[in-house]
């Protein structure tokens, strides 16, 4: 028995007024192959953000042009495990990244946040470290956000 997997690069939008779906071709051209993680996406203030794990870049989706604009780099590496082991979530008006990093003191999981309304300075996202958990490895297996 053979299995053929087709990776999709489209998106879909649901219109609450017409109660219908619209297909958006070419919305996510970063095609996932079998070993890559599913798209890392989050919505803040009705804007769609994504992580391109190959380059560690955060991008914002332009609905009018059906394109992605690069905003800046993640505070942790996403390319180490092909996008796995990292959480990218929305919490109120902020984007959250939970990921591991290695340093002179060992391994740690770092929780960082950024409010898109604060803008970007010189092509750099000003991530704020909210918390660090040391000596726990660098891989995030699962993540849920509550209480935003």
N, C-alpha and C. Protein backbone atom coordinates (compact mmCIF):
# COMPACT_ATOMS: atom_id res chain seq x y z
N UNK A 1 0.84 -1.17 0.00
CA UNK A 1 0.00 0.00 0.00
C UNK A 1 0.89 1.24 0.00
N UNK A 2 0.61 2.17 -0.87
CA UNK A 2 1.40 3.40 -0.93
C UNK A 2 0.56 4.56 -0.40
N UNK A 3 1.26 5.53 0.13
CA UNK A 3 0.60 6.70 0.69
C UNK A 3 1.17 7.95 0.04
N UNK A 4 0.31 8.79 -0.48
CA UNK A 4 0.74 10.04 -1.07
C UNK A 4 0.20 11.17 -0.20
N UNK A 5 1.09 12.00 0.28
CA UNK A 5 0.69 13.14 1.09
C UNK A 5 0.82 14.40 0.26
N UNK A 6 -0.24 15.18 0.24
CA UNK A 6 -0.23 16.43 -0.49
C UNK A 6 -0.20 17.56 0.54
N UNK A 7 0.81 18.41 0.45
CA UNK A 7 0.91 19.56 1.35
C UNK A 7 0.13 20.71 0.75
N UNK A 8 -0.72 21.31 1.54
CA UNK A 8 -1.52 22.43 1.07
C UNK A 8 -0.81 23.74 1.31
N UNK A 9 -1.00 24.68 0.41
CA UNK A 9 -0.43 26.01 0.59
C UNK A 9 -1.54 27.06 0.59
N UNK A 10 -2.78 26.60 0.63
CA UNK A 10 -3.91 27.52 0.63
C UNK A 10 -4.41 27.75 2.05
N UNK A 11 -5.28 28.71 2.18
CA UNK A 11 -5.97 28.96 3.43
C UNK A 11 -7.45 29.06 3.13
N UNK A 12 -8.26 29.13 4.16
CA UNK A 12 -9.69 29.31 3.97
C UNK A 12 -10.19 30.34 4.96
N UNK A 13 -11.19 31.09 4.52
CA UNK A 13 -11.78 32.14 5.35
C UNK A 13 -13.29 31.89 5.42
N UNK A 14 -13.83 31.96 6.62
CA UNK A 14 -15.27 31.77 6.78
C UNK A 14 -15.94 33.12 6.97
N UNK A 15 -16.96 33.40 6.18
CA UNK A 15 -17.72 34.65 6.25
C UNK A 15 -18.97 34.40 7.09
N UNK A 16 -19.05 35.03 8.25
CA UNK A 16 -20.18 34.82 9.15
C UNK A 16 -21.49 35.33 8.55
N UNK A 17 -21.44 36.38 7.73
CA UNK A 17 -22.66 36.95 7.13
C UNK A 17 -23.25 36.02 6.08
N UNK A 18 -22.40 35.54 5.17
CA UNK A 18 -22.89 34.67 4.09
C UNK A 18 -22.87 33.19 4.48
N UNK A 19 -22.24 32.89 5.62
CA UNK A 19 -22.12 31.51 6.10
C UNK A 19 -21.50 30.61 5.04
N UNK A 20 -20.41 31.12 4.47
CA UNK A 20 -19.74 30.35 3.42
C UNK A 20 -18.22 30.48 3.56
N UNK A 21 -17.52 29.52 2.97
CA UNK A 21 -16.06 29.48 2.99
C UNK A 21 -15.51 30.03 1.69
N UNK A 22 -14.36 30.70 1.79
CA UNK A 22 -13.64 31.19 0.61
C UNK A 22 -12.22 30.63 0.68
N UNK A 23 -11.79 30.03 -0.42
CA UNK A 23 -10.45 29.47 -0.49
C UNK A 23 -9.47 30.57 -0.91
N UNK A 24 -8.33 30.66 -0.21
CA UNK A 24 -7.30 31.66 -0.51
C UNK A 24 -6.08 30.90 -1.02
N UNK A 25 -5.88 30.91 -2.32
CA UNK A 25 -4.77 30.18 -2.93
C UNK A 25 -3.43 30.82 -2.57
N UNK A 26 -2.42 30.00 -2.39
CA UNK A 26 -1.05 30.48 -2.17
C UNK A 26 -0.86 31.26 -0.89
N UNK A 27 -1.74 31.08 0.07
CA UNK A 27 -1.65 31.85 1.31
C UNK A 27 -0.44 31.49 2.14
N UNK A 28 -0.07 30.24 2.13
CA UNK A 28 1.07 29.80 2.94
C UNK A 28 2.01 28.99 2.07
N UNK A 29 2.90 29.68 1.35
CA UNK A 29 3.78 28.99 0.40
C UNK A 29 4.90 28.17 1.04
N UNK A 30 5.05 28.26 2.36
CA UNK A 30 6.12 27.53 3.05
C UNK A 30 5.65 26.10 3.26
N UNK A 31 5.65 25.34 2.19
CA UNK A 31 5.07 24.00 2.19
C UNK A 31 5.76 23.12 3.22
N UNK A 32 4.95 22.45 4.00
CA UNK A 32 5.46 21.53 5.03
C UNK A 32 5.66 20.15 4.43
N UNK A 33 6.82 19.61 4.61
CA UNK A 33 7.04 18.21 4.25
C UNK A 33 6.87 17.40 5.52
N UNK A 34 6.91 16.10 5.40
CA UNK A 34 6.61 15.21 6.51
C UNK A 34 7.30 15.49 7.81
N UNK A 35 8.55 15.95 7.80
CA UNK A 35 9.28 16.14 9.05
C UNK A 35 9.09 17.53 9.66
N UNK A 36 8.52 18.45 8.91
CA UNK A 36 8.35 19.80 9.42
C UNK A 36 7.08 19.90 10.27
N UNK A 37 7.10 20.82 11.21
CA UNK A 37 5.94 21.07 12.06
C UNK A 37 4.83 21.73 11.25
N UNK A 38 3.59 21.62 11.73
CA UNK A 38 2.50 22.37 11.10
C UNK A 38 2.80 23.86 11.22
N UNK A 39 2.13 24.69 10.43
CA UNK A 39 2.39 26.14 10.52
C UNK A 39 2.21 26.65 11.94
N UNK A 40 3.13 27.49 12.37
CA UNK A 40 3.06 28.14 13.68
C UNK A 40 2.40 29.49 13.46
N UNK A 41 1.12 29.61 13.81
CA UNK A 41 0.36 30.83 13.54
C UNK A 41 -0.36 31.29 14.80
N UNK A 42 -0.65 32.60 14.84
CA UNK A 42 -1.40 33.20 15.94
C UNK A 42 -2.08 34.46 15.42
N UNK A 43 -3.20 34.83 16.04
CA UNK A 43 -3.95 36.02 15.64
C UNK A 43 -4.00 36.99 16.81
N UNK A 44 -3.59 38.24 16.55
CA UNK A 44 -3.68 39.33 17.52
C UNK A 44 -4.33 40.51 16.81
N UNK A 45 -5.37 41.06 17.42
CA UNK A 45 -6.06 42.23 16.88
C UNK A 45 -6.50 42.00 15.43
N UNK A 46 -7.03 40.82 15.16
CA UNK A 46 -7.52 40.43 13.83
C UNK A 46 -6.43 40.43 12.76
N UNK A 47 -5.19 40.29 13.18
CA UNK A 47 -4.06 40.19 12.25
C UNK A 47 -3.42 38.82 12.42
N UNK A 48 -3.08 38.18 11.30
CA UNK A 48 -2.50 36.85 11.32
C UNK A 48 -0.98 36.94 11.29
N UNK A 49 -0.34 36.26 12.23
CA UNK A 49 1.12 36.20 12.33
C UNK A 49 1.55 34.75 12.20
N UNK A 50 2.74 34.56 11.65
CA UNK A 50 3.27 33.20 11.50
C UNK A 50 4.77 33.21 11.72
N UNK A 51 5.29 32.04 12.06
CA UNK A 51 6.73 31.85 12.19
C UNK A 51 7.19 31.00 11.02
N UNK A 52 8.19 31.49 10.31
CA UNK A 52 8.84 30.68 9.29
C UNK A 52 10.05 30.06 9.98
N UNK A 53 9.91 28.80 10.34
CA UNK A 53 10.93 28.18 11.20
C UNK A 53 12.28 28.00 10.52
N UNK A 54 12.32 27.96 9.20
CA UNK A 54 13.61 27.79 8.51
C UNK A 54 14.52 29.01 8.69
N UNK A 55 13.90 30.19 8.83
CA UNK A 55 14.67 31.43 8.97
C UNK A 55 14.51 32.08 10.34
N UNK A 56 13.66 31.50 11.20
CA UNK A 56 13.37 32.06 12.52
C UNK A 56 12.72 33.44 12.44
N UNK A 57 11.99 33.69 11.36
CA UNK A 57 11.36 34.99 11.16
C UNK A 57 9.89 34.98 11.53
N UNK A 58 9.43 36.09 12.12
CA UNK A 58 8.02 36.31 12.37
C UNK A 58 7.50 37.14 11.21
N UNK A 59 6.36 36.73 10.67
CA UNK A 59 5.78 37.42 9.52
C UNK A 59 4.33 37.78 9.82
N UNK A 60 3.87 38.84 9.16
CA UNK A 60 2.48 39.28 9.30
C UNK A 60 1.81 39.17 7.94
N UNK A 61 0.60 38.64 7.93
CA UNK A 61 -0.13 38.42 6.68
C UNK A 61 -0.83 39.69 6.25
N UNK A 62 -0.66 40.07 4.98
CA UNK A 62 -1.35 41.21 4.37
C UNK A 62 -2.55 40.65 3.61
N UNK A 63 -3.74 40.86 4.15
CA UNK A 63 -4.97 40.31 3.58
C UNK A 63 -5.25 40.85 2.18
N UNK A 64 -4.97 42.12 1.98
CA UNK A 64 -5.28 42.75 0.69
C UNK A 64 -4.41 42.21 -0.44
N UNK A 65 -3.15 41.96 -0.15
CA UNK A 65 -2.20 41.53 -1.19
C UNK A 65 -1.92 40.03 -1.20
N UNK A 66 -2.44 39.31 -0.21
CA UNK A 66 -2.18 37.88 -0.06
C UNK A 66 -0.67 37.61 -0.03
N UNK A 67 0.02 38.39 0.80
CA UNK A 67 1.47 38.25 0.96
C UNK A 67 1.82 38.29 2.45
N UNK A 68 3.04 37.87 2.74
CA UNK A 68 3.56 37.90 4.10
C UNK A 68 4.68 38.93 4.18
N UNK A 69 4.68 39.76 5.21
CA UNK A 69 5.73 40.75 5.43
C UNK A 69 6.58 40.32 6.62
N UNK A 70 7.90 40.30 6.43
CA UNK A 70 8.81 39.95 7.52
C UNK A 70 8.85 41.07 8.54
N UNK A 71 8.75 40.69 9.81
CA UNK A 71 8.79 41.67 10.89
C UNK A 71 10.10 41.63 11.65
N UNK A 72 10.60 40.46 11.93
CA UNK A 72 11.83 40.32 12.70
C UNK A 72 12.00 38.89 13.18
N UNK A 73 13.06 38.66 13.91
CA UNK A 73 13.42 37.31 14.35
C UNK A 73 12.76 36.93 15.67
N UNK A 74 12.63 35.62 15.84
CA UNK A 74 12.18 35.07 17.11
C UNK A 74 13.27 35.25 18.16
N UNK A 75 12.90 35.22 19.45
CA UNK A 75 13.92 35.30 20.50
C UNK A 75 14.61 33.96 20.76
N UNK A 76 14.06 32.88 20.22
CA UNK A 76 14.64 31.54 20.35
C UNK A 76 14.68 30.89 18.97
N UNK A 77 15.45 29.84 18.84
CA UNK A 77 15.58 29.17 17.54
C UNK A 77 14.40 28.24 17.27
N UNK A 78 13.88 28.33 16.06
CA UNK A 78 12.80 27.44 15.63
C UNK A 78 13.30 26.42 14.63
N UNK A 79 14.48 26.64 14.09
CA UNK A 79 14.99 25.78 13.02
C UNK A 79 15.66 24.50 13.54
N UNK A 80 15.98 24.44 14.81
CA UNK A 80 16.70 23.28 15.36
C UNK A 80 15.95 21.97 15.18
N UNK A 81 14.63 22.02 15.37
CA UNK A 81 13.81 20.81 15.30
C UNK A 81 12.76 20.92 14.20
N UNK A 82 13.06 21.64 13.11
CA UNK A 82 12.12 21.80 11.99
C UNK A 82 10.78 22.39 12.42
N UNK A 83 10.81 23.30 13.39
CA UNK A 83 9.59 23.95 13.86
C UNK A 83 8.92 23.26 15.02
N UNK A 84 9.34 22.05 15.35
CA UNK A 84 8.79 21.33 16.50
C UNK A 84 9.47 21.84 17.78
N UNK A 85 8.82 21.63 18.93
CA UNK A 85 9.43 21.97 20.21
C UNK A 85 9.35 23.44 20.55
N UNK A 86 8.41 24.14 19.91
CA UNK A 86 8.26 25.58 20.09
C UNK A 86 6.77 25.90 20.12
N UNK A 87 6.36 26.85 20.94
CA UNK A 87 4.97 27.29 20.96
C UNK A 87 4.92 28.75 20.54
N UNK A 88 3.97 29.07 19.68
CA UNK A 88 3.75 30.44 19.19
C UNK A 88 2.26 30.69 19.35
N UNK A 89 1.90 31.56 20.30
CA UNK A 89 0.50 31.75 20.68
C UNK A 89 0.16 33.22 20.79
N UNK A 90 -1.15 33.49 20.77
CA UNK A 90 -1.66 34.83 21.04
C UNK A 90 -2.21 34.85 22.46
N UNK A 91 -2.03 35.99 23.12
CA UNK A 91 -2.57 36.18 24.47
C UNK A 91 -2.98 37.64 24.58
N UNK A 92 -4.27 37.91 24.48
CA UNK A 92 -4.72 39.29 24.48
C UNK A 92 -4.14 40.04 23.29
N UNK A 93 -3.42 41.11 23.56
CA UNK A 93 -2.81 41.91 22.49
C UNK A 93 -1.35 41.56 22.27
N UNK A 94 -0.91 40.41 22.77
CA UNK A 94 0.50 40.05 22.66
C UNK A 94 0.69 38.71 21.95
N UNK A 95 1.84 38.57 21.32
CA UNK A 95 2.29 37.29 20.80
C UNK A 95 3.22 36.68 21.83
N UNK A 96 3.07 35.40 22.07
CA UNK A 96 3.93 34.68 23.01
C UNK A 96 4.74 33.63 22.28
N UNK A 97 5.97 33.48 22.69
CA UNK A 97 6.83 32.42 22.18
C UNK A 97 7.37 31.68 23.39
N UNK A 98 7.21 30.36 23.37
CA UNK A 98 7.76 29.52 24.42
C UNK A 98 8.70 28.56 23.72
N UNK A 99 9.98 28.67 24.04
CA UNK A 99 10.96 27.82 23.37
C UNK A 99 12.21 27.67 24.20
N UNK A 100 13.01 26.73 23.80
CA UNK A 100 14.23 26.44 24.54
C UNK A 100 15.44 27.16 24.01
N UNK A 101 16.40 27.33 24.89
CA UNK A 101 17.69 27.88 24.47
C UNK A 101 18.78 27.29 25.34
N UNK A 102 19.94 27.21 24.72
CA UNK A 102 21.11 26.70 25.44
C UNK A 102 22.05 27.87 25.71
N UNK A 103 22.62 27.86 26.87
CA UNK A 103 23.56 28.92 27.22
C UNK A 103 24.64 28.38 28.12
N UNK A 104 25.51 29.27 28.61
CA UNK A 104 26.62 28.86 29.46
C UNK A 104 26.16 28.17 30.75
N UNK A 105 24.96 28.52 31.22
CA UNK A 105 24.45 27.92 32.45
C UNK A 105 23.64 26.66 32.21
N UNK A 106 23.48 26.25 30.95
CA UNK A 106 22.72 25.05 30.63
C UNK A 106 21.52 25.35 29.76
N UNK A 107 20.56 24.44 29.82
CA UNK A 107 19.36 24.55 29.00
C UNK A 107 18.22 25.17 29.79
N UNK A 108 17.34 25.88 29.08
CA UNK A 108 16.20 26.51 29.73
C UNK A 108 15.07 26.69 28.74
N UNK A 109 13.86 26.74 29.27
CA UNK A 109 12.68 27.11 28.49
C UNK A 109 12.41 28.58 28.81
N UNK A 110 12.23 29.38 27.76
CA UNK A 110 12.05 30.82 27.93
C UNK A 110 10.68 31.22 27.39
N UNK A 111 9.94 32.01 28.16
CA UNK A 111 8.65 32.57 27.75
C UNK A 111 8.88 34.03 27.42
N UNK A 112 8.63 34.41 26.16
CA UNK A 112 8.83 35.79 25.71
C UNK A 112 7.54 36.32 25.11
N UNK A 113 7.36 37.65 25.18
CA UNK A 113 6.17 38.26 24.61
C UNK A 113 6.54 39.52 23.83
N UNK A 114 5.65 39.86 22.91
CA UNK A 114 5.78 41.09 22.13
C UNK A 114 4.39 41.58 21.78
N UNK A 115 4.17 42.87 21.96
CA UNK A 115 2.90 43.50 21.60
C UNK A 115 3.08 44.15 20.23
N UNK A 116 2.41 43.64 19.18
CA UNK A 116 2.58 44.23 17.85
C UNK A 116 2.27 45.72 17.79
N UNK A 117 1.38 46.21 18.65
CA UNK A 117 1.07 47.64 18.66
C UNK A 117 2.28 48.48 19.04
N UNK A 118 3.25 47.88 19.72
CA UNK A 118 4.45 48.63 20.12
C UNK A 118 5.37 48.89 18.94
N UNK A 119 5.13 48.19 17.83
CA UNK A 119 5.93 48.42 16.63
C UNK A 119 7.25 47.68 16.63
N UNK A 120 8.03 48.01 15.61
CA UNK A 120 9.32 47.37 15.39
C UNK A 120 10.37 48.46 15.23
N UNK A 121 11.50 48.29 15.89
CA UNK A 121 12.58 49.26 15.78
C UNK A 121 13.74 48.73 14.98
N UNK A 122 14.07 49.38 13.89
CA UNK A 122 15.20 48.98 13.04
C UNK A 122 15.14 47.51 12.62
N UNK A 123 13.95 47.04 12.25
CA UNK A 123 13.79 45.66 11.82
C UNK A 123 13.94 44.64 12.93
N UNK A 124 13.82 45.09 14.18
CA UNK A 124 13.99 44.20 15.32
C UNK A 124 12.74 44.22 16.19
N UNK A 125 12.27 43.03 16.54
CA UNK A 125 11.15 42.91 17.46
C UNK A 125 11.71 42.97 18.88
N UNK A 126 11.12 43.81 19.71
CA UNK A 126 11.58 43.96 21.09
C UNK A 126 10.85 42.96 21.99
N UNK A 127 11.34 41.72 21.99
CA UNK A 127 10.74 40.67 22.81
C UNK A 127 11.06 40.92 24.28
N UNK A 128 10.07 40.73 25.13
CA UNK A 128 10.25 40.86 26.58
C UNK A 128 10.24 39.46 27.19
N UNK A 129 11.24 39.15 27.99
CA UNK A 129 11.29 37.85 28.67
C UNK A 129 10.36 37.91 29.88
N UNK A 130 9.37 37.03 29.89
CA UNK A 130 8.41 36.99 31.00
C UNK A 130 8.79 35.95 32.05
N UNK A 131 9.48 34.91 31.61
CA UNK A 131 9.85 33.86 32.55
C UNK A 131 10.86 32.90 31.96
N UNK A 132 11.63 32.28 32.85
CA UNK A 132 12.64 31.30 32.45
C UNK A 132 12.54 30.11 33.40
N UNK A 133 12.54 28.92 32.83
CA UNK A 133 12.57 27.69 33.63
C UNK A 133 13.84 26.96 33.26
N UNK A 134 14.76 26.88 34.20
CA UNK A 134 16.09 26.32 33.92
C UNK A 134 16.15 24.82 34.16
N UNK A 135 17.14 24.22 33.50
CA UNK A 135 17.47 22.80 33.67
C UNK A 135 16.30 21.86 33.35
N UNK A 136 15.58 22.18 32.28
CA UNK A 136 14.43 21.36 31.89
C UNK A 136 14.49 20.90 30.44
N UNK A 137 15.61 21.10 29.77
CA UNK A 137 15.69 20.77 28.35
C UNK A 137 15.30 21.96 27.50
N UNK A 138 15.20 21.73 26.21
CA UNK A 138 14.91 22.84 25.30
C UNK A 138 13.69 22.58 24.41
N UNK A 139 12.98 21.50 24.63
CA UNK A 139 11.88 21.10 23.77
C UNK A 139 10.55 21.31 24.47
N UNK A 140 9.65 22.09 23.86
CA UNK A 140 8.30 22.30 24.39
C UNK A 140 7.39 21.28 23.72
N UNK A 141 6.81 20.39 24.51
CA UNK A 141 5.98 19.32 23.96
C UNK A 141 4.55 19.76 23.71
N UNK A 142 4.02 20.63 24.54
CA UNK A 142 2.65 21.08 24.39
C UNK A 142 2.50 22.39 25.14
N UNK A 143 1.58 23.22 24.70
CA UNK A 143 1.42 24.52 25.35
C UNK A 143 -0.02 25.00 25.19
N UNK A 144 -0.61 25.46 26.27
CA UNK A 144 -1.92 26.11 26.25
C UNK A 144 -1.78 27.40 27.03
N UNK A 145 -2.48 28.43 26.58
CA UNK A 145 -2.41 29.74 27.24
C UNK A 145 -3.78 30.03 27.85
N UNK A 146 -3.78 30.39 29.13
CA UNK A 146 -5.02 30.71 29.83
C UNK A 146 -4.84 32.03 30.58
N UNK A 147 -5.91 32.76 30.75
CA UNK A 147 -5.88 33.94 31.59
C UNK A 147 -5.24 35.16 30.98
N UNK A 148 -5.51 35.40 29.72
CA UNK A 148 -4.93 36.59 29.07
C UNK A 148 -5.73 37.82 29.40
